[in-house]
Amino acid sequence: MSELSLPDLGSFPGRLARLYAGLALYGAGIGLQVESRLGNDPWDVFHQGLAVRTGWSIGTWIILVGAAVMLFWIPLRQRPGIGTISNIVLLGLFADATIWLAPTPANLAVRWVYLLAAVVFVAAATGLYIGAGLGPGPRDGLMTGLHRLGLSIRAARTLIEVTVLVAGWILGGTVGVGTVVFALAIGPLTQFFMPLMRPRP
């Protein structure tokens, strides 16, 4: 469902609260999945690969890559919103904070708890920040921009995520069972959380 087709989104302060709660939860999900060491989602394989090569934090690369992706919005005629800019600035900070604060588990069971919590957090967070209707994230906007050029949403997303996954794996990012779990679970879980995160009339 597009943001334009969403029902009454509620008051602006309430929408901001959902946006920033969503970004904080999304960043926490990224951090927990990285700390699980079971495999990252495709974009974070790429961010981690860049971090491995440069010594900069994953969060720093989330911010820099988000800003760089915005350059592709220009020929695609995408328009950013306050949610887009907030995503670029805050998502990496929340991810780094979680990586710094969360203990790195050695026990495999705890690592799986981290992974499963991460996927649920990201799905719920997606419902929150998309439901706020304040602009897509830079990576989502790239996908919808390619869709406007004639690619299906599925083809655009697959093209982007396979590209960043392969590039990140070559750079040294972690690919594993967590990558597969994320890919299989994120769609159904996001669909489950989207209506729950909409404001009630």
C-alpha atoms as a PDB file:
ATOM      1  CA  MET A   1       0.000   0.000   0.000  1.00  0.00           C
ATOM      2  CA  SER A   2       1.383   3.379  -0.937  1.00  0.00           C
ATOM      3  CA  GLU A   3       1.643   6.184   1.567  1.00  0.00           C
ATOM      4  CA  LEU A   4      -0.843   8.208  -0.495  1.00  0.00           C
ATOM      5  CA  SER A   5      -3.511   5.540  -0.004  1.00  0.00           C
ATOM      6  CA  LEU A   6      -3.157   5.374   3.767  1.00  0.00           C
ATOM      7  CA  PRO A   7      -6.165   6.534   5.815  1.00  0.00           C
ATOM      8  CA  ASP A   8      -6.030   9.422   8.286  1.00  0.00           C
ATOM      9  CA  LEU A   9      -2.447   9.409   9.572  1.00  0.00           C
ATOM     10  CA  GLY A  10      -3.200  11.314  12.772  1.00  0.00           C
ATOM     11  CA  SER A  11      -1.683  14.486  14.160  1.00  0.00           C
ATOM     12  CA  PHE A  12       1.723  15.660  13.031  1.00  0.00           C
ATOM     13  CA  PRO A  13       3.334  15.228  16.504  1.00  0.00           C
ATOM     14  CA  GLY A  14       1.945  11.695  16.617  1.00  0.00           C
ATOM     15  CA  ARG A  15       3.339  10.961  13.168  1.00  0.00           C
ATOM     16  CA  LEU A  16       6.753  12.272  14.229  1.00  0.00           C
ATOM     17  CA  ALA A  17       6.633  10.073  17.315  1.00  0.00           C
ATOM     18  CA  ARG A  18       5.902   7.008  15.171  1.00  0.00           C
ATOM     19  CA  LEU A  19       8.638   7.950  12.731  1.00  0.00           C
ATOM     20  CA  TYR A  20      11.345   8.307  15.368  1.00  0.00           C
ATOM     21  CA  ALA A  21      10.176   5.279  17.357  1.00  0.00           C
ATOM     22  CA  GLY A  22      10.326   3.309  14.119  1.00  0.00           C
ATOM     23  CA  LEU A  23      13.830   4.500  13.284  1.00  0.00           C
ATOM     24  CA  ALA A  24      15.065   3.699  16.804  1.00  0.00           C
ATOM     25  CA  LEU A  25      13.539   0.216  16.632  1.00  0.00           C
ATOM     26  CA  TYR A  26      14.926  -0.332  13.126  1.00  0.00           C
ATOM     27  CA  GLY A  27      18.415   0.678  14.256  1.00  0.00           C
ATOM     28  CA  ALA A  28      18.141  -1.663  17.231  1.00  0.00           C
ATOM     29  CA  GLY A  29      17.165  -4.478  14.867  1.00  0.00           C
ATOM     30  CA  ILE A  30      20.190  -3.823  12.668  1.00  0.00           C
ATOM     31  CA  GLY A  31      22.488  -3.788  15.680  1.00  0.00           C
ATOM     32  CA  LEU A  32      21.118  -7.038  17.106  1.00  0.00           C
ATOM     33  CA  GLN A  33      21.383  -8.837  13.773  1.00  0.00           C
ATOM     34  CA  VAL A  34      24.992  -7.719  13.366  1.00  0.00           C
ATOM     35  CA  GLU A  35      25.765  -8.824  16.948  1.00  0.00           C
ATOM     36  CA  SER A  36      24.171 -12.234  16.333  1.00  0.00           C
ATOM     37  CA  ARG A  37      26.948 -12.956  13.802  1.00  0.00           C
ATOM     38  CA  LEU A  38      24.557 -15.312  11.986  1.00  0.00           C
ATOM     39  CA  GLY A  39      24.277 -13.213   8.821  1.00  0.00           C
ATOM     40  CA  ASN A  40      23.005  -9.729   8.036  1.00  0.00           C
ATOM     41  CA  ASP A  41      20.304  -8.482   5.712  1.00  0.00           C
ATOM     42  CA  PRO A  42      21.676  -7.543   2.242  1.00  0.00           C
ATOM     43  CA  TRP A  43      22.167  -3.809   2.846  1.00  0.00           C
ATOM     44  CA  ASP A  44      23.924  -4.432   6.147  1.00  0.00           C
ATOM     45  CA  VAL A  45      26.184  -7.046   4.572  1.00  0.00           C
ATOM     46  CA  PHE A  46      27.251  -4.163   2.334  1.00  0.00           C
ATOM     47  CA  HIS A  47      27.578  -1.668   5.201  1.00  0.00           C
ATOM     48  CA  GLN A  48      29.561  -4.161   7.265  1.00  0.00           C
ATOM     49  CA  GLY A  49      31.817  -4.963   4.318  1.00  0.00           C
ATOM     50  CA  LEU A  50      32.634  -1.278   3.951  1.00  0.00           C
ATOM     51  CA  ALA A  51      33.238  -1.072   7.696  1.00  0.00           C
ATOM     52  CA  VAL A  52      35.618  -4.036   7.540  1.00  0.00           C
ATOM     53  CA  ARG A  53      37.599  -2.399   4.732  1.00  0.00           C
ATOM     54  CA  THR A  54      37.817   1.079   6.274  1.00  0.00           C
ATOM     55  CA  GLY A  55      37.690   0.616  10.029  1.00  0.00           C
ATOM     56  CA  TRP A  56      34.738   3.009  10.246  1.00  0.00           C
ATOM     57  CA  SER A  57      31.618   1.889  12.098  1.00  0.00           C
ATOM     58  CA  ILE A  58      28.675   0.203  10.412  1.00  0.00           C
ATOM     59  CA  GLY A  59      26.478   3.089  11.500  1.00  0.00           C
ATOM     60  CA  THR A  60      28.779   5.580   9.804  1.00  0.00           C
ATOM     61  CA  TRP A  61      28.449   3.660   6.556  1.00  0.00           C
ATOM     62  CA  ILE A  62      24.661   3.404   6.927  1.00  0.00           C
ATOM     63  CA  ILE A  63      24.603   7.214   7.045  1.00  0.00           C
ATOM     64  CA  LEU A  64      27.097   7.718   4.186  1.00  0.00           C
ATOM     65  CA  VAL A  65      25.489   5.142   1.895  1.00  0.00           C
ATOM     66  CA  GLY A  66      22.042   6.583   2.627  1.00  0.00           C
ATOM     67  CA  ALA A  67      23.264  10.033   1.636  1.00  0.00           C
ATOM     68  CA  ALA A  68      24.936   8.654  -1.508  1.00  0.00           C
ATOM     69  CA  VAL A  69      21.769   6.793  -2.522  1.00  0.00           C
ATOM     70  CA  MET A  70      19.951  10.138  -2.429  1.00  0.00           C
ATOM     71  CA  LEU A  71      22.018  11.226  -5.426  1.00  0.00           C
ATOM     72  CA  PHE A  72      20.262   8.547  -7.481  1.00  0.00           C
ATOM     73  CA  TRP A  73      16.942  10.101  -6.526  1.00  0.00           C
ATOM     74  CA  ILE A  74      17.708  13.122  -8.727  1.00  0.00           C
ATOM     75  CA  PRO A  75      17.410  11.395 -12.136  1.00  0.00           C
ATOM     76  CA  LEU A  76      14.595   9.234 -10.758  1.00  0.00           C
ATOM     77  CA  ARG A  77      12.675  12.391  -9.731  1.00  0.00           C
ATOM     78  CA  GLN A  78      12.029  11.175  -6.227  1.00  0.00           C
ATOM     79  CA  ARG A  79      11.137  13.713  -3.543  1.00  0.00           C
ATOM     80  CA  PRO A  80      12.490  13.322  -0.001  1.00  0.00           C
ATOM     81  CA  GLY A  81      10.460  14.042   3.110  1.00  0.00           C
ATOM     82  CA  ILE A  82      11.363  14.670   6.720  1.00  0.00           C
ATOM     83  CA  GLY A  83      11.269  10.900   7.203  1.00  0.00           C
ATOM     84  CA  THR A  84      13.857  10.455   4.457  1.00  0.00           C
ATOM     85  CA  ILE A  85      16.304  12.907   5.995  1.00  0.00           C
ATOM     86  CA  SER A  86      15.683  11.538   9.497  1.00  0.00           C
ATOM     87  CA  ASN A  87      16.360   8.027   8.205  1.00  0.00           C
ATOM     88  CA  ILE A  88      19.724   9.085   6.785  1.00  0.00           C
ATOM     89  CA  VAL A  89      20.835  10.907   9.929  1.00  0.00           C
ATOM     90  CA  LEU A  90      19.474   8.684  12.711  1.00  0.00           C
ATOM     91  CA  LEU A  91      19.365   5.071  11.540  1.00  0.00           C
ATOM     92  CA  GLY A  92      23.120   4.604  11.635  1.00  0.00           C
ATOM     93  CA  LEU A  93      23.366   6.291  15.042  1.00  0.00           C
ATOM     94  CA  PHE A  94      20.763   3.944  16.527  1.00  0.00           C
ATOM     95  CA  ALA A  95      22.473   0.919  14.957  1.00  0.00           C
ATOM     96  CA  ASP A  96      25.890   1.904  16.342  1.00  0.00           C
ATOM     97  CA  ALA A  97      24.388   2.578  19.779  1.00  0.00           C
ATOM     98  CA  THR A  98      22.845  -0.904  19.848  1.00  0.00           C
ATOM     99  CA  ILE A  99      26.079  -2.570  18.715  1.00  0.00           C
ATOM    100  CA  TRP A 100      27.951  -0.684  21.443  1.00  0.00           C
ATOM    101  CA  LEU A 101      25.411  -1.372  24.227  1.00  0.00           C
ATOM    102  CA  ALA A 102      24.318  -4.953  23.476  1.00  0.00           C
ATOM    103  CA  PRO A 103      26.633  -7.682  24.807  1.00  0.00           C
ATOM    104  CA  THR A 104      28.106  -9.855  22.073  1.00  0.00           C
ATOM    105  CA  PRO A 105      26.742 -13.350  22.826  1.00  0.00           C
ATOM    106  CA  ALA A 106      28.896 -16.453  22.630  1.00  0.00           C
ATOM    107  CA  ASN A 107      26.026 -18.884  23.246  1.00  0.00           C
ATOM    108  CA  LEU A 108      24.375 -20.013  20.003  1.00  0.00           C
ATOM    109  CA  ALA A 109      20.878 -19.947  21.515  1.00  0.00           C
ATOM    110  CA  VAL A 110      21.310 -16.321  22.574  1.00  0.00           C
ATOM    111  CA  ARG A 111      22.616 -15.453  19.119  1.00  0.00           C
ATOM    112  CA  TRP A 112      19.408 -16.897  17.654  1.00  0.00           C
ATOM    113  CA  VAL A 113      17.357 -14.834  20.101  1.00  0.00           C
ATOM    114  CA  TYR A 114      19.211 -11.743  18.851  1.00  0.00           C
ATOM    115  CA  LEU A 115      18.522 -12.695  15.238  1.00  0.00           C
ATOM    116  CA  LEU A 116      14.823 -13.413  15.679  1.00  0.00           C
ATOM    117  CA  ALA A 117      14.315 -10.278  17.781  1.00  0.00           C
ATOM    118  CA  ALA A 118      16.104  -8.283  15.081  1.00  0.00           C
ATOM    119  CA  VAL A 119      13.768  -9.452  12.322  1.00  0.00           C
ATOM    120  CA  VAL A 120      10.681  -8.717  14.430  1.00  0.00           C
ATOM    121  CA  PHE A 121      12.057  -5.278  15.377  1.00  0.00           C
ATOM    122  CA  VAL A 122      12.733  -4.356  11.744  1.00  0.00           C
ATOM    123  CA  ALA A 123       9.275  -5.496  10.626  1.00  0.00           C
ATOM    124  CA  ALA A 124       7.520  -3.551  13.398  1.00  0.00           C
ATOM    125  CA  ALA A 125       9.728  -0.534  12.747  1.00  0.00           C
ATOM    126  CA  THR A 126       8.828  -0.591   9.058  1.00  0.00           C
ATOM    127  CA  GLY A 127       5.158  -0.434   9.962  1.00  0.00           C
ATOM    128  CA  LEU A 128       5.818   2.512  12.263  1.00  0.00           C
ATOM    129  CA  TYR A 129       7.869   4.713   9.973  1.00  0.00           C
ATOM    130  CA  ILE A 130       5.958   3.966   6.777  1.00  0.00           C
ATOM    131  CA  GLY A 131       2.683   4.453   8.650  1.00  0.00           C
ATOM    132  CA  ALA A 132       3.874   7.907   9.679  1.00  0.00           C
ATOM    133  CA  GLY A 133       3.685   8.938   6.010  1.00  0.00           C
ATOM    134  CA  LEU A 134       6.601  11.375   6.237  1.00  0.00           C
ATOM    135  CA  GLY A 135       8.694  10.053   3.365  1.00  0.00           C
ATOM    136  CA  PRO A 136      10.378   6.755   2.501  1.00  0.00           C
ATOM    137  CA  GLY A 137      13.906   5.809   3.485  1.00  0.00           C
ATOM    138  CA  PRO A 138      16.583   6.473   0.840  1.00  0.00           C
ATOM    139  CA  ARG A 139      16.895   2.797  -0.081  1.00  0.00           C
ATOM    140  CA  ASP A 140      13.118   2.360  -0.365  1.00  0.00           C
ATOM    141  CA  GLY A 141      12.928   5.463  -2.543  1.00  0.00           C
ATOM    142  CA  LEU A 142      15.538   3.998  -4.881  1.00  0.00           C
ATOM    143  CA  MET A 143      13.338   0.939  -5.313  1.00  0.00           C
ATOM    144  CA  THR A 144      10.171   2.936  -5.986  1.00  0.00           C
ATOM    145  CA  GLY A 145      12.098   5.217  -8.359  1.00  0.00           C
ATOM    146  CA  LEU A 146      13.176   2.217 -10.442  1.00  0.00           C
ATOM    147  CA  HIS A 147       9.577   1.043 -10.376  1.00  0.00           C
ATOM    148  CA  ARG A 148       8.540   4.344 -11.967  1.00  0.00           C
ATOM    149  CA  LEU A 149      10.987   3.616 -14.792  1.00  0.00           C
ATOM    150  CA  GLY A 150       9.127   0.418 -15.613  1.00  0.00           C
ATOM    151  CA  LEU A 151      10.603  -2.274 -13.350  1.00  0.00           C
ATOM    152  CA  SER A 152       8.217  -4.176 -11.129  1.00  0.00           C
ATOM    153  CA  ILE A 153       8.661  -3.627  -7.393  1.00  0.00           C
ATOM    154  CA  ARG A 154       9.822  -7.239  -7.057  1.00  0.00           C
ATOM    155  CA  ALA A 155      12.375  -6.872  -9.865  1.00  0.00           C
ATOM    156  CA  ALA A 156      13.642  -3.525  -8.555  1.00  0.00           C
ATOM    157  CA  ARG A 157      14.051  -4.806  -5.007  1.00  0.00           C
ATOM    158  CA  THR A 158      15.694  -8.032  -6.153  1.00  0.00           C
ATOM    159  CA  LEU A 159      18.131  -6.178  -8.421  1.00  0.00           C
ATOM    160  CA  ILE A 160      19.151  -3.751  -5.672  1.00  0.00           C
ATOM    161  CA  GLU A 161      19.444  -6.289  -2.859  1.00  0.00           C
ATOM    162  CA  VAL A 162      21.315  -8.913  -4.876  1.00  0.00           C
ATOM    163  CA  THR A 163      23.765  -6.215  -6.006  1.00  0.00           C
ATOM    164  CA  VAL A 164      24.494  -4.920  -2.492  1.00  0.00           C
ATOM    165  CA  LEU A 165      24.580  -8.452  -1.053  1.00  0.00           C
ATOM    166  CA  VAL A 166      27.212  -9.643  -3.521  1.00  0.00           C
ATOM    167  CA  ALA A 167      29.243  -6.441  -3.167  1.00  0.00           C
ATOM    168  CA  GLY A 168      29.085  -6.652   0.630  1.00  0.00           C
ATOM    169  CA  TRP A 169      30.074 -10.322   0.676  1.00  0.00           C
ATOM    170  CA  ILE A 170      33.099  -9.575  -1.538  1.00  0.00           C
ATOM    171  CA  LEU A 171      34.064  -6.740   0.832  1.00  0.00           C
ATOM    172  CA  GLY A 172      33.886  -9.037   3.867  1.00  0.00           C
ATOM    173  CA  GLY A 173      30.342  -8.595   5.230  1.00  0.00           C
ATOM    174  CA  THR A 174      28.695 -11.487   7.065  1.00  0.00           C
ATOM    175  CA  VAL A 175      26.377 -13.667   4.971  1.00  0.00           C
ATOM    176  CA  GLY A 176      24.778 -16.648   6.650  1.00  0.00           C
ATOM    177  CA  VAL A 177      21.604 -18.303   7.841  1.00  0.00           C
ATOM    178  CA  GLY A 178      20.465 -14.967   9.277  1.00  0.00           C
ATOM    179  CA  THR A 179      20.491 -13.503   5.776  1.00  0.00           C
ATOM    180  CA  VAL A 180      18.125 -16.255   4.624  1.00  0.00           C
ATOM    181  CA  VAL A 181      15.898 -15.958   7.709  1.00  0.00           C
ATOM    182  CA  PHE A 182      15.589 -12.206   7.167  1.00  0.00           C
ATOM    183  CA  ALA A 183      14.774 -12.618   3.471  1.00  0.00           C
ATOM    184  CA  LEU A 184      12.045 -15.200   4.144  1.00  0.00           C
ATOM    185  CA  ALA A 185      10.486 -13.628   7.243  1.00  0.00           C
ATOM    186  CA  ILE A 186      10.616  -9.877   6.695  1.00  0.00           C
ATOM    187  CA  GLY A 187       7.806  -9.731   4.116  1.00  0.00           C
ATOM    188  CA  PRO A 188       5.165 -11.697   6.063  1.00  0.00           C
ATOM    189  CA  LEU A 189       6.100 -10.011   9.351  1.00  0.00           C
ATOM    190  CA  THR A 190       5.941  -6.525   7.831  1.00  0.00           C
ATOM    191  CA  GLN A 191       2.529  -7.344   6.375  1.00  0.00           C
ATOM    192  CA  PHE A 192       1.424  -8.461   9.845  1.00  0.00           C
ATOM    193  CA  PHE A 193       2.678  -5.325  11.601  1.00  0.00           C
ATOM    194  CA  MET A 194       1.573  -2.700   9.068  1.00  0.00           C
ATOM    195  CA  PRO A 195      -2.113  -2.603  10.090  1.00  0.00           C
ATOM    196  CA  LEU A 196      -1.211  -2.840  13.789  1.00  0.00           C
ATOM    197  CA  MET A 197       0.987   0.264  13.553  1.00  0.00           C
ATOM    198  CA  ARG A 198      -1.605   2.480  11.855  1.00  0.00           C
ATOM    199  CA  PRO A 199      -3.300   5.069  14.052  1.00  0.00           C
ATOM    200  CA  ARG A 200      -6.804   4.132  15.188  1.00  0.00           C
ATOM    201  CA  PRO A 201      -9.674   6.450  14.187  1.00  0.00           C
END
